């Protein structure tokens, strides 16, 4: 993947994705993701947390209250796990190859466009690099830890949730996002759960 634009923010994201595409092991990818995540300042994290809060607040009750801790875990919990593992040196011991290198490459190839395809102009200070943060922490969960992009237990409308059964992850919306090209679901290691 080579950079394709002169827009500085897009170029930075494309260059970061090019570095991520070079990872061959879970530890290499974890290290590269952590280095990118370390670039985010406290102000950036406040902006990301504020955007997350507004998105959850827009949901109808009581679903809003049920899903709030899972969205927080999905974004900020994953960020803290990523940096904690990096700072503890755990990625150095993770020499196993990526479980699905083709899927990981397709994901990082999709990310730059995913960061710029949304109109975030109505949110003062929110920039594509903030959206890139979501893609970074999701890549950590899906390709380093082989876990779903949405946390186990996360509820969805209709009373369904992400489940873990005998080491397999099942998601009620896994295959419902096929028409959304920048969706995490298209790259998630979870399987579509059977709907009743």
Foldseek 3Di string as FASTA:
>chain_A
DQADDDPVVLSVLLVLLVCLLPDFFLLSNLLSLLVLLVPQDPVLVVLLVVVLVVVLVPDDPPLSVQQSVQSCCLQVVLNVVSNVCVVVVVSVPGGHTWPDSVLSNLLSVLLSCLLVVDPPVVRPPDHSSSVVSSSSSLCNCCTNVVHFSGDFPRDDPPGDTWHADPNAIEGQCLPVCPVPSNDSSPSHRHHHDDDD
